[in-house]
Structures are given as structure tokens and as C-alpha cells.
N, C-alpha and C. Protein backbone atom coordinates (compact mmCIF):
# COMPACT_ATOMS: atom_id res chain seq x y z
N UNK A 1 -61.49 -2.97 -68.08
CA UNK A 1 -62.72 -3.71 -67.79
C UNK A 1 -63.44 -2.96 -66.77
N UNK A 2 -64.79 -2.73 -67.05
CA UNK A 2 -65.62 -2.02 -66.16
C UNK A 2 -65.90 -2.76 -64.84
N UNK A 3 -66.34 -2.07 -63.89
CA UNK A 3 -66.70 -2.65 -62.57
C UNK A 3 -67.73 -3.79 -62.72
N UNK A 4 -68.73 -3.44 -63.47
CA UNK A 4 -69.85 -4.33 -63.60
C UNK A 4 -69.47 -5.60 -64.37
N UNK A 5 -68.58 -5.47 -65.36
CA UNK A 5 -68.05 -6.60 -66.15
C UNK A 5 -67.15 -7.43 -65.18
N UNK A 6 -66.43 -6.74 -64.39
CA UNK A 6 -65.51 -7.48 -63.40
C UNK A 6 -66.40 -8.26 -62.43
N UNK A 7 -67.49 -7.71 -61.94
CA UNK A 7 -68.33 -8.41 -60.99
C UNK A 7 -68.95 -9.58 -61.65
N UNK A 8 -69.37 -9.45 -62.92
CA UNK A 8 -69.96 -10.69 -63.61
C UNK A 8 -68.93 -11.71 -63.82
N UNK A 9 -67.67 -11.25 -64.26
CA UNK A 9 -66.57 -12.17 -64.55
C UNK A 9 -66.32 -12.95 -63.18
N UNK A 10 -66.17 -12.28 -62.09
CA UNK A 10 -65.92 -12.82 -60.72
C UNK A 10 -67.04 -13.88 -60.40
N UNK A 11 -68.32 -13.55 -60.76
CA UNK A 11 -69.35 -14.42 -60.49
C UNK A 11 -69.33 -15.76 -61.26
N UNK A 12 -68.90 -15.65 -62.53
CA UNK A 12 -68.74 -16.86 -63.28
C UNK A 12 -67.50 -17.71 -62.77
N UNK A 13 -66.49 -17.01 -62.37
CA UNK A 13 -65.31 -17.72 -61.81
C UNK A 13 -65.71 -18.42 -60.46
N UNK A 14 -66.50 -17.73 -59.63
CA UNK A 14 -66.90 -18.25 -58.38
C UNK A 14 -67.83 -19.50 -58.71
N UNK A 15 -68.64 -19.45 -59.70
CA UNK A 15 -69.45 -20.66 -60.09
C UNK A 15 -68.60 -21.80 -60.59
N UNK A 16 -67.52 -21.52 -61.35
CA UNK A 16 -66.59 -22.62 -61.67
C UNK A 16 -65.91 -23.18 -60.47
N UNK A 17 -65.46 -22.27 -59.51
CA UNK A 17 -64.78 -22.81 -58.43
C UNK A 17 -65.77 -23.55 -57.51
N UNK A 18 -67.03 -23.16 -57.49
CA UNK A 18 -67.97 -23.85 -56.67
C UNK A 18 -68.30 -25.29 -57.14
N UNK A 19 -68.06 -25.61 -58.46
CA UNK A 19 -68.19 -26.94 -58.90
C UNK A 19 -67.23 -27.91 -58.32
N UNK A 20 -66.07 -27.36 -57.95
CA UNK A 20 -65.02 -28.21 -57.35
C UNK A 20 -65.05 -28.27 -55.86
N UNK A 21 -65.86 -27.49 -55.20
CA UNK A 21 -65.91 -27.36 -53.76
C UNK A 21 -66.92 -28.48 -53.19
N UNK A 22 -66.77 -28.87 -51.99
CA UNK A 22 -67.67 -29.92 -51.50
C UNK A 22 -69.06 -29.43 -51.24
N UNK A 23 -70.00 -30.20 -51.74
CA UNK A 23 -71.37 -29.89 -51.67
C UNK A 23 -72.18 -30.83 -50.80
N UNK A 24 -71.73 -32.16 -50.73
CA UNK A 24 -72.45 -33.13 -49.95
C UNK A 24 -71.36 -33.88 -49.13
N UNK A 25 -71.71 -34.31 -47.92
CA UNK A 25 -70.84 -35.07 -47.03
C UNK A 25 -71.57 -36.40 -46.66
N UNK A 26 -71.36 -37.39 -47.58
CA UNK A 26 -71.90 -38.72 -47.22
C UNK A 26 -71.08 -39.28 -46.02
N UNK A 27 -71.20 -40.50 -45.73
CA UNK A 27 -70.55 -41.09 -44.57
C UNK A 27 -69.05 -40.91 -44.58
N UNK A 28 -68.46 -41.21 -45.74
CA UNK A 28 -67.01 -41.12 -45.91
C UNK A 28 -66.71 -40.11 -47.06
N UNK A 29 -65.89 -39.13 -46.76
CA UNK A 29 -65.47 -38.18 -47.83
C UNK A 29 -66.44 -37.11 -48.14
N UNK A 30 -66.19 -36.32 -49.10
CA UNK A 30 -67.01 -35.26 -49.57
C UNK A 30 -67.23 -35.41 -51.10
N UNK A 31 -68.32 -34.94 -51.52
CA UNK A 31 -68.72 -34.97 -52.89
C UNK A 31 -68.70 -33.56 -53.50
N UNK A 32 -68.12 -33.37 -54.66
CA UNK A 32 -68.36 -32.10 -55.38
C UNK A 32 -69.40 -32.28 -56.45
N UNK A 33 -69.65 -31.40 -57.35
CA UNK A 33 -70.66 -31.54 -58.32
C UNK A 33 -70.41 -32.64 -59.23
N UNK A 34 -69.12 -32.87 -59.56
CA UNK A 34 -68.75 -33.96 -60.45
C UNK A 34 -68.92 -35.38 -59.85
N UNK A 35 -68.76 -35.43 -58.56
CA UNK A 35 -69.03 -36.71 -57.92
C UNK A 35 -70.50 -37.04 -57.78
N UNK A 36 -71.26 -35.96 -57.68
CA UNK A 36 -72.69 -36.20 -57.51
C UNK A 36 -73.35 -36.56 -58.82
N UNK A 37 -72.98 -35.80 -59.96
CA UNK A 37 -73.53 -36.01 -61.31
C UNK A 37 -72.60 -35.36 -62.31
N UNK A 38 -71.70 -36.22 -62.87
CA UNK A 38 -70.68 -35.68 -63.75
C UNK A 38 -71.19 -34.89 -64.96
N UNK A 39 -72.21 -35.46 -65.76
CA UNK A 39 -72.61 -34.74 -66.94
C UNK A 39 -73.30 -33.43 -66.52
N UNK A 40 -74.01 -33.41 -65.48
CA UNK A 40 -74.67 -32.14 -65.08
C UNK A 40 -73.57 -31.13 -64.62
N UNK A 41 -72.52 -31.54 -63.99
CA UNK A 41 -71.53 -30.67 -63.62
C UNK A 41 -70.81 -30.01 -64.75
N UNK A 42 -70.59 -30.86 -65.87
CA UNK A 42 -69.96 -30.46 -67.01
C UNK A 42 -70.86 -29.40 -67.80
N UNK A 43 -72.16 -29.59 -67.76
CA UNK A 43 -73.10 -28.56 -68.31
C UNK A 43 -72.98 -27.20 -67.51
N UNK A 44 -72.88 -27.27 -66.25
CA UNK A 44 -72.82 -26.09 -65.47
C UNK A 44 -71.54 -25.37 -65.81
N UNK A 45 -70.41 -26.12 -65.97
CA UNK A 45 -69.09 -25.55 -66.23
C UNK A 45 -69.14 -24.96 -67.65
N UNK A 46 -69.70 -25.62 -68.61
CA UNK A 46 -69.82 -25.06 -69.98
C UNK A 46 -70.62 -23.78 -70.04
N UNK A 47 -71.73 -23.71 -69.27
CA UNK A 47 -72.53 -22.51 -69.19
C UNK A 47 -71.73 -21.36 -68.66
N UNK A 48 -70.92 -21.65 -67.54
CA UNK A 48 -70.04 -20.59 -66.99
C UNK A 48 -68.98 -20.11 -67.99
N UNK A 49 -68.41 -21.04 -68.77
CA UNK A 49 -67.41 -20.62 -69.73
C UNK A 49 -68.04 -19.77 -70.85
N UNK A 50 -69.32 -20.08 -71.27
CA UNK A 50 -70.00 -19.33 -72.27
C UNK A 50 -70.30 -17.96 -71.73
N UNK A 51 -70.65 -17.84 -70.38
CA UNK A 51 -70.82 -16.55 -69.77
C UNK A 51 -69.53 -15.65 -69.71
N UNK A 52 -68.37 -16.39 -69.44
CA UNK A 52 -67.14 -15.66 -69.40
C UNK A 52 -66.76 -15.13 -70.84
N UNK A 53 -67.06 -15.94 -71.81
CA UNK A 53 -66.81 -15.55 -73.14
C UNK A 53 -67.70 -14.39 -73.51
N UNK A 54 -68.98 -14.34 -73.07
CA UNK A 54 -69.82 -13.24 -73.38
C UNK A 54 -69.39 -11.91 -72.72
N UNK A 55 -68.75 -12.04 -71.59
CA UNK A 55 -68.25 -10.87 -70.87
C UNK A 55 -66.99 -10.38 -71.54
N UNK A 56 -66.04 -11.35 -71.95
CA UNK A 56 -64.80 -10.94 -72.58
C UNK A 56 -65.03 -10.42 -73.90
N UNK A 57 -65.96 -10.92 -74.69
CA UNK A 57 -66.28 -10.38 -76.07
C UNK A 57 -67.31 -9.22 -76.07
N UNK A 58 -67.60 -8.78 -74.86
CA UNK A 58 -68.61 -7.61 -74.65
C UNK A 58 -69.87 -7.88 -75.30
N UNK A 59 -70.48 -9.08 -74.95
CA UNK A 59 -71.81 -9.40 -75.48
C UNK A 59 -72.71 -9.63 -74.26
N UNK A 60 -73.35 -8.59 -73.76
CA UNK A 60 -74.02 -8.65 -72.39
C UNK A 60 -75.32 -9.58 -72.48
N UNK A 61 -75.95 -9.64 -73.72
CA UNK A 61 -77.04 -10.55 -73.77
C UNK A 61 -76.70 -12.02 -73.61
N UNK A 62 -75.56 -12.39 -74.24
CA UNK A 62 -75.12 -13.77 -73.99
C UNK A 62 -74.74 -14.13 -72.62
N UNK A 63 -74.04 -13.09 -72.03
CA UNK A 63 -73.59 -13.27 -70.63
C UNK A 63 -74.78 -13.31 -69.64
N UNK A 64 -75.88 -12.42 -69.89
CA UNK A 64 -77.04 -12.42 -69.14
C UNK A 64 -77.83 -13.74 -69.24
N UNK A 65 -77.95 -14.21 -70.45
CA UNK A 65 -78.62 -15.48 -70.74
C UNK A 65 -77.93 -16.68 -70.00
N UNK A 66 -76.52 -16.64 -70.11
CA UNK A 66 -75.77 -17.62 -69.36
C UNK A 66 -75.92 -17.55 -67.84
N UNK A 67 -75.99 -16.35 -67.32
CA UNK A 67 -76.10 -16.20 -65.91
C UNK A 67 -77.42 -16.70 -65.42
N UNK A 68 -78.56 -16.34 -66.12
CA UNK A 68 -79.82 -16.80 -65.75
C UNK A 68 -79.99 -18.41 -65.88
N UNK A 69 -79.38 -18.88 -66.94
CA UNK A 69 -79.41 -20.31 -67.15
C UNK A 69 -78.65 -21.00 -66.19
N UNK A 70 -77.43 -20.46 -65.74
CA UNK A 70 -76.63 -21.13 -64.70
C UNK A 70 -77.42 -21.05 -63.35
N UNK A 71 -78.10 -20.00 -63.03
CA UNK A 71 -78.81 -19.91 -61.80
C UNK A 71 -79.99 -20.98 -61.79
N UNK A 72 -80.67 -21.13 -62.90
CA UNK A 72 -81.68 -22.20 -63.06
C UNK A 72 -81.09 -23.61 -62.89
N UNK A 73 -79.96 -23.83 -63.46
CA UNK A 73 -79.26 -25.08 -63.33
C UNK A 73 -78.96 -25.40 -61.90
N UNK A 74 -78.38 -24.40 -61.24
CA UNK A 74 -77.99 -24.56 -59.79
C UNK A 74 -79.23 -24.87 -58.93
N UNK A 75 -80.26 -24.20 -59.15
CA UNK A 75 -81.57 -24.38 -58.43
C UNK A 75 -82.02 -25.76 -58.66
N UNK A 76 -82.05 -26.12 -59.87
CA UNK A 76 -82.55 -27.51 -60.27
C UNK A 76 -81.55 -28.56 -59.67
N UNK A 77 -80.31 -28.33 -59.67
CA UNK A 77 -79.31 -29.27 -59.09
C UNK A 77 -79.59 -29.36 -57.57
N UNK A 78 -79.89 -28.27 -56.91
CA UNK A 78 -80.17 -28.29 -55.50
C UNK A 78 -81.39 -29.20 -55.18
N UNK A 79 -82.38 -29.02 -55.93
CA UNK A 79 -83.67 -29.84 -55.81
C UNK A 79 -83.37 -31.29 -56.02
N UNK A 80 -82.54 -31.56 -57.10
CA UNK A 80 -82.22 -32.98 -57.35
C UNK A 80 -81.45 -33.58 -56.27
N UNK A 81 -80.51 -32.79 -55.62
CA UNK A 81 -79.68 -33.29 -54.52
C UNK A 81 -80.53 -33.53 -53.37
N UNK A 82 -81.54 -32.61 -53.06
CA UNK A 82 -82.44 -32.94 -51.95
C UNK A 82 -83.14 -34.31 -52.15
N UNK A 83 -83.65 -34.40 -53.40
CA UNK A 83 -84.44 -35.66 -53.68
C UNK A 83 -83.55 -36.90 -53.59
N UNK A 84 -82.25 -36.81 -54.06
CA UNK A 84 -81.34 -37.90 -54.00
C UNK A 84 -81.04 -38.29 -52.55
N UNK A 85 -80.85 -37.26 -51.69
CA UNK A 85 -80.54 -37.55 -50.24
C UNK A 85 -81.70 -38.28 -49.60
N UNK A 86 -82.99 -37.80 -49.86
CA UNK A 86 -84.14 -38.20 -49.24
C UNK A 86 -84.49 -39.71 -49.70
N UNK A 87 -84.16 -40.05 -50.97
CA UNK A 87 -84.53 -41.33 -51.51
C UNK A 87 -83.36 -42.30 -51.59
N UNK A 88 -82.16 -41.89 -51.11
CA UNK A 88 -81.00 -42.79 -51.32
C UNK A 88 -81.03 -44.08 -50.48
N UNK A 89 -81.85 -44.07 -49.42
CA UNK A 89 -81.92 -45.29 -48.55
C UNK A 89 -83.32 -45.80 -48.58
N UNK A 90 -84.08 -45.64 -49.67
CA UNK A 90 -85.48 -46.09 -49.75
C UNK A 90 -85.58 -47.61 -49.89
N UNK A 91 -84.46 -48.22 -50.22
CA UNK A 91 -84.46 -49.70 -50.31
C UNK A 91 -84.55 -50.36 -48.99
N UNK A 92 -84.24 -49.72 -47.90
CA UNK A 92 -84.38 -50.24 -46.56
C UNK A 92 -85.75 -50.40 -46.15
N UNK A 93 -86.27 -51.57 -45.72
CA UNK A 93 -87.62 -51.70 -45.39
C UNK A 93 -88.12 -50.91 -44.11
N UNK A 94 -87.17 -50.63 -43.30
CA UNK A 94 -87.49 -49.94 -42.05
C UNK A 94 -87.35 -48.46 -42.22
N UNK A 95 -88.48 -47.76 -42.17
CA UNK A 95 -88.48 -46.35 -42.49
C UNK A 95 -87.65 -45.51 -41.54
N UNK A 96 -87.61 -45.87 -40.20
CA UNK A 96 -86.94 -45.03 -39.27
C UNK A 96 -85.48 -45.16 -39.52
N UNK A 97 -84.96 -46.37 -39.85
CA UNK A 97 -83.51 -46.51 -40.20
C UNK A 97 -83.16 -45.74 -41.46
N UNK A 98 -84.02 -45.77 -42.46
CA UNK A 98 -83.70 -45.02 -43.72
C UNK A 98 -83.69 -43.58 -43.46
N UNK A 99 -84.57 -43.07 -42.56
CA UNK A 99 -84.56 -41.57 -42.33
C UNK A 99 -83.38 -41.25 -41.46
N UNK A 100 -82.93 -42.10 -40.54
CA UNK A 100 -81.75 -41.85 -39.79
C UNK A 100 -80.52 -41.80 -40.68
N UNK A 101 -80.42 -42.73 -41.51
CA UNK A 101 -79.23 -42.67 -42.50
C UNK A 101 -79.22 -41.50 -43.38
N UNK A 102 -80.43 -41.15 -43.90
CA UNK A 102 -80.59 -39.98 -44.78
C UNK A 102 -80.16 -38.71 -43.97
N UNK A 103 -80.43 -38.64 -42.73
CA UNK A 103 -80.14 -37.48 -41.92
C UNK A 103 -78.65 -37.37 -41.73
N UNK A 104 -77.92 -38.42 -41.93
CA UNK A 104 -76.42 -38.46 -41.73
C UNK A 104 -75.69 -37.76 -42.91
N UNK A 105 -76.38 -37.64 -44.09
CA UNK A 105 -75.81 -36.98 -45.29
C UNK A 105 -76.05 -35.47 -45.10
N UNK A 106 -74.93 -34.76 -44.98
CA UNK A 106 -74.98 -33.32 -44.78
C UNK A 106 -74.60 -32.48 -46.04
N UNK A 107 -75.28 -31.32 -46.12
CA UNK A 107 -74.91 -30.33 -47.16
C UNK A 107 -73.76 -29.53 -46.73
N UNK A 108 -72.87 -29.24 -47.65
CA UNK A 108 -71.66 -28.47 -47.27
C UNK A 108 -71.66 -27.06 -47.86
N UNK A 109 -70.50 -26.36 -47.70
CA UNK A 109 -70.43 -25.00 -47.86
C UNK A 109 -70.31 -24.60 -49.43
N UNK A 110 -70.11 -25.66 -50.23
CA UNK A 110 -69.94 -25.41 -51.71
C UNK A 110 -71.25 -24.86 -52.28
N UNK A 111 -72.37 -25.09 -51.65
CA UNK A 111 -73.61 -24.58 -52.22
C UNK A 111 -73.65 -23.07 -52.22
N UNK A 112 -73.05 -22.40 -51.22
CA UNK A 112 -72.93 -20.98 -51.14
C UNK A 112 -72.31 -20.44 -52.34
N UNK A 113 -71.23 -21.03 -52.78
CA UNK A 113 -70.57 -20.57 -54.03
C UNK A 113 -71.33 -20.78 -55.24
N UNK A 114 -72.02 -22.00 -55.27
CA UNK A 114 -72.79 -22.31 -56.46
C UNK A 114 -73.95 -21.31 -56.58
N UNK A 115 -74.52 -20.79 -55.54
CA UNK A 115 -75.59 -19.86 -55.67
C UNK A 115 -75.13 -18.43 -55.75
N UNK A 116 -73.99 -18.11 -55.19
CA UNK A 116 -73.50 -16.73 -55.18
C UNK A 116 -72.89 -16.44 -56.58
N UNK A 117 -72.26 -17.32 -57.20
CA UNK A 117 -71.71 -17.04 -58.58
C UNK A 117 -72.62 -16.51 -59.56
N UNK A 118 -73.82 -17.26 -59.85
CA UNK A 118 -74.78 -16.70 -60.78
C UNK A 118 -75.44 -15.42 -60.30
N UNK A 119 -75.66 -15.24 -58.97
CA UNK A 119 -76.24 -14.00 -58.47
C UNK A 119 -75.33 -12.78 -58.70
N UNK A 120 -73.97 -12.96 -58.51
CA UNK A 120 -73.08 -11.90 -58.79
C UNK A 120 -73.08 -11.61 -60.28
N UNK A 121 -73.09 -12.65 -61.09
CA UNK A 121 -73.06 -12.38 -62.54
C UNK A 121 -74.36 -11.67 -63.04
N UNK A 122 -75.45 -12.06 -62.46
CA UNK A 122 -76.70 -11.31 -62.87
C UNK A 122 -76.63 -9.99 -62.33
N UNK A 123 -76.15 -9.72 -61.13
CA UNK A 123 -76.11 -8.39 -60.57
C UNK A 123 -75.14 -7.49 -61.38
N UNK A 124 -74.04 -8.03 -61.75
CA UNK A 124 -73.02 -7.24 -62.57
C UNK A 124 -73.61 -6.82 -63.92
N UNK A 125 -74.29 -7.74 -64.53
CA UNK A 125 -74.84 -7.47 -65.88
C UNK A 125 -75.96 -6.51 -65.88
N UNK A 126 -76.85 -6.64 -64.91
CA UNK A 126 -78.02 -5.78 -64.87
C UNK A 126 -77.57 -4.37 -64.34
N UNK A 127 -76.50 -4.33 -63.52
CA UNK A 127 -76.01 -3.04 -63.09
C UNK A 127 -75.48 -2.28 -64.29
N UNK A 128 -74.81 -3.00 -65.22
CA UNK A 128 -74.36 -2.40 -66.40
C UNK A 128 -75.34 -1.89 -67.28
N UNK A 129 -76.42 -2.60 -67.37
CA UNK A 129 -77.55 -2.19 -68.33
C UNK A 129 -78.41 -1.06 -67.71
N UNK A 130 -78.52 -0.90 -66.46
CA UNK A 130 -79.39 0.11 -65.84
C UNK A 130 -78.66 1.35 -65.49
N UNK A 131 -77.42 1.51 -65.97
CA UNK A 131 -76.65 2.68 -65.62
C UNK A 131 -76.68 3.79 -66.68
N UNK A 132 -77.82 4.26 -66.93
CA UNK A 132 -77.95 5.26 -67.98
C UNK A 132 -78.36 6.57 -67.27
N UNK A 133 -77.46 7.48 -67.27
CA UNK A 133 -77.74 8.83 -66.61
C UNK A 133 -78.09 9.80 -67.72
N UNK A 134 -79.07 10.67 -67.29
CA UNK A 134 -79.47 11.78 -68.18
C UNK A 134 -79.07 13.09 -67.45
N UNK A 135 -78.74 14.04 -68.25
CA UNK A 135 -78.40 15.25 -67.71
C UNK A 135 -79.65 16.13 -67.35
N UNK A 136 -79.73 16.55 -66.13
CA UNK A 136 -80.97 17.33 -65.76
C UNK A 136 -80.95 18.65 -66.58
N UNK A 137 -82.20 18.96 -66.93
CA UNK A 137 -82.40 20.23 -67.62
C UNK A 137 -82.62 21.31 -66.58
N UNK A 138 -81.76 22.31 -66.67
CA UNK A 138 -81.80 23.44 -65.69
C UNK A 138 -82.47 24.60 -66.25
């Protein structure tokens, strides 16, 4: 396995591991991707598996498409998590209390893995495609 394929493979594995890591810390416990939104987490997992299959079967276009799609899904999921945190206490009529409680929900370190995985996968695939050397004419 080439170094670029190994980097892409590691990126997709990091993405899969990131779905199980804590991303939000509400008042009690930690939430991973599946606690926040189970169907969306399964879609991210399936895209990562498709990317791994593209790398193993030596199909760089499939792997690159899966890597870009997974990055888009993670960015969209981050935006949705931000909106969920900001509007989770909108039912409280006192705005200051709602803002205080929303401020108590913290983002955790799992987001680093969720963003690093697709970036490693994209970097590995584009490194493999741009590696064309020509012999200088002397």
C-alpha cells in the first residue's frame, strides 16, 4: 500500500473513530454523533466505509468523492450542532436564562477527529494524483 493510500485509509479510520468520540457535553454525560443524531451518524459512517472500499479496491475517484462528501457532511453536522445548542432552550421565556443554559453545553474534542479524518483522506488522495514526475531533458 502506497503512503498516500495509507494516509487516506488512516483519514477514513479517524473519521469512523471520531463518530464514537464525545462531541457535545450537555449537563450530564457526553454525546457522540449517534447520540446527537443517529441517522446522520450512520450516513457519515457509510460514507467512510465507501471511502475505505474505494482505497482498498484502488478506485481513487470513488475515494476522493467519499472524502469530499464526508467533509461536507461534517461541516453541515457542525452547523446543525451549533444551531441545536443555541435553540435547545428557546422554550424558556426568559432570554438570559436560556442563554445561560445554552452556554453550559460545551463542544468536546471529538470534533477535531471528525474534521481531521476527511482532511487526511483528501490530502492523501490528492497527493497520489499530483505525483507525476517527468524526466528533465538534458
